[in-house]
Every structure is written in C-alpha cells, then in structure tokens.
Amino acid sequence: MQANYVPPAPVPTFDQDAYNEQVAEEYWATHPKPTFDPDSADGYGPNQELPPACLRLVGVDC
C-alpha cells in the first residue's frame, strides 16, 4: 500500500501594519484629535480621553 502525499495547508498571514493603520483610521474618525498641553504630565489637556498606546507610542502594535 502506498501513501499519498498531502501538502500542508497554507499558513494564513497577518499584516500587522495594515491592521494598525485600520485601527488608527477608525479611531480618529470617531474621536477628536487631542490638544497638547505642555503643563500636563502626559501632554494632554484636562478631561481628554487618551488615545490607545499604539497611536501614541512608536513601536507598539494595536
């Protein structure tokens, strides 16, 4: 009896950069741009919602 070769299923790929761009686009479409406040510890004015870390920091993925 001879075995038939079955190739492995293709591994799905995930484009992290495209996902990050999509998250940023959707976030900024529904939230106003925060204003910079130099007197604030985090740089944002009072009572402003902080954007997700992936939009504020370099090298952080969503």
C-alpha atoms as a PDB file:
ATOM      1  CA  MET A   1       0.000   0.000   0.000  1.00  0.00           C
ATOM      2  CA  GLN A   2       1.360   3.383  -0.988  1.00  0.00           C
ATOM      3  CA  ALA A   3       0.655   6.619   0.919  1.00  0.00           C
ATOM      4  CA  ASN A   4      -0.411   9.708  -0.980  1.00  0.00           C
ATOM      5  CA  TYR A   5       1.427  12.929  -0.178  1.00  0.00           C
ATOM      6  CA  VAL A   6      -0.851  15.652   1.146  1.00  0.00           C
ATOM      7  CA  PRO A   7       0.827  19.066   1.282  1.00  0.00           C
ATOM      8  CA  PRO A   8       0.320  21.071   4.468  1.00  0.00           C
ATOM      9  CA  ALA A   9      -2.361  23.736   4.495  1.00  0.00           C
ATOM     10  CA  PRO A  10      -1.107  27.262   3.756  1.00  0.00           C
ATOM     11  CA  VAL A  11      -0.379  29.342   6.818  1.00  0.00           C
ATOM     12  CA  PRO A  12      -2.585  32.448   6.895  1.00  0.00           C
ATOM     13  CA  THR A  13      -0.596  35.657   7.030  1.00  0.00           C
ATOM     14  CA  PHE A  14      -1.436  38.662   9.177  1.00  0.00           C
ATOM     15  CA  ASP A  15      -0.368  42.151   8.132  1.00  0.00           C
ATOM     16  CA  GLN A  16       0.199  43.987  11.416  1.00  0.00           C
ATOM     17  CA  ASP A  17       0.976  47.296   9.709  1.00  0.00           C
ATOM     18  CA  ALA A  18      -2.286  47.262   7.764  1.00  0.00           C
ATOM     19  CA  TYR A  19      -4.181  46.404  10.947  1.00  0.00           C
ATOM     20  CA  ASN A  20      -2.511  49.282  12.830  1.00  0.00           C
ATOM     21  CA  GLU A  21      -3.467  51.683  10.031  1.00  0.00           C
ATOM     22  CA  GLN A  22      -7.069  50.454  10.096  1.00  0.00           C
ATOM     23  CA  VAL A  23      -7.309  50.898  13.878  1.00  0.00           C
ATOM     24  CA  ALA A  24      -5.866  54.419  13.624  1.00  0.00           C
ATOM     25  CA  GLU A  25      -8.238  55.367  10.815  1.00  0.00           C
ATOM     26  CA  GLU A  26     -11.300  54.094  12.673  1.00  0.00           C
ATOM     27  CA  TYR A  27     -10.227  55.691  15.966  1.00  0.00           C
ATOM     28  CA  TRP A  28      -9.551  59.147  14.519  1.00  0.00           C
ATOM     29  CA  ALA A  29     -12.811  59.039  12.528  1.00  0.00           C
ATOM     30  CA  THR A  30     -14.790  58.707  15.766  1.00  0.00           C
ATOM     31  CA  HIS A  31     -12.656  60.715  18.227  1.00  0.00           C
ATOM     32  CA  PRO A  32     -11.403  64.306  18.087  1.00  0.00           C
ATOM     33  CA  LYS A  33      -7.676  64.972  17.965  1.00  0.00           C
ATOM     34  CA  PRO A  34      -6.452  65.725  21.497  1.00  0.00           C
ATOM     35  CA  THR A  35      -4.863  69.090  22.174  1.00  0.00           C
ATOM     36  CA  PHE A  36      -1.333  69.280  23.510  1.00  0.00           C
ATOM     37  CA  ASP A  37      -0.954  70.763  26.987  1.00  0.00           C
ATOM     38  CA  PRO A  38       2.707  71.368  27.957  1.00  0.00           C
ATOM     39  CA  ASP A  39       1.742  71.834  31.617  1.00  0.00           C
ATOM     40  CA  SER A  40       0.182  68.360  31.844  1.00  0.00           C
ATOM     41  CA  ALA A  41       2.265  65.350  32.858  1.00  0.00           C
ATOM     42  CA  ASP A  42       1.039  63.246  29.936  1.00  0.00           C
ATOM     43  CA  GLY A  43       0.879  66.125  27.434  1.00  0.00           C
ATOM     44  CA  TYR A  44      -2.885  66.033  27.073  1.00  0.00           C
ATOM     45  CA  GLY A  45      -5.300  68.613  28.395  1.00  0.00           C
ATOM     46  CA  PRO A  46      -7.695  68.001  31.273  1.00  0.00           C
ATOM     47  CA  ASN A  47     -10.660  65.685  30.728  1.00  0.00           C
ATOM     48  CA  GLN A  48      -9.328  64.379  27.420  1.00  0.00           C
ATOM     49  CA  GLU A  49      -9.504  60.702  26.591  1.00  0.00           C
ATOM     50  CA  LEU A  50      -6.056  59.292  25.895  1.00  0.00           C
ATOM     51  CA  PRO A  51      -5.703  57.588  22.512  1.00  0.00           C
ATOM     52  CA  PRO A  52      -4.683  53.910  22.605  1.00  0.00           C
ATOM     53  CA  ALA A  53      -0.995  53.285  23.226  1.00  0.00           C
ATOM     54  CA  CYS A  54      -0.467  52.069  19.667  1.00  0.00           C
ATOM     55  CA  LEU A  55      -1.454  55.519  18.402  1.00  0.00           C
ATOM     56  CA  ARG A  56       0.590  57.472  20.942  1.00  0.00           C
ATOM     57  CA  LEU A  57       3.807  55.460  21.087  1.00  0.00           C
ATOM     58  CA  VAL A  58       6.244  54.323  18.413  1.00  0.00           C
ATOM     59  CA  GLY A  59       6.831  50.586  18.098  1.00  0.00           C
ATOM     60  CA  VAL A  60       3.637  49.485  19.901  1.00  0.00           C
ATOM     61  CA  ASP A  61       1.187  47.339  17.947  1.00  0.00           C
ATOM     62  CA  CYS A  62      -2.583  47.511  18.338  1.00  0.00           C
END
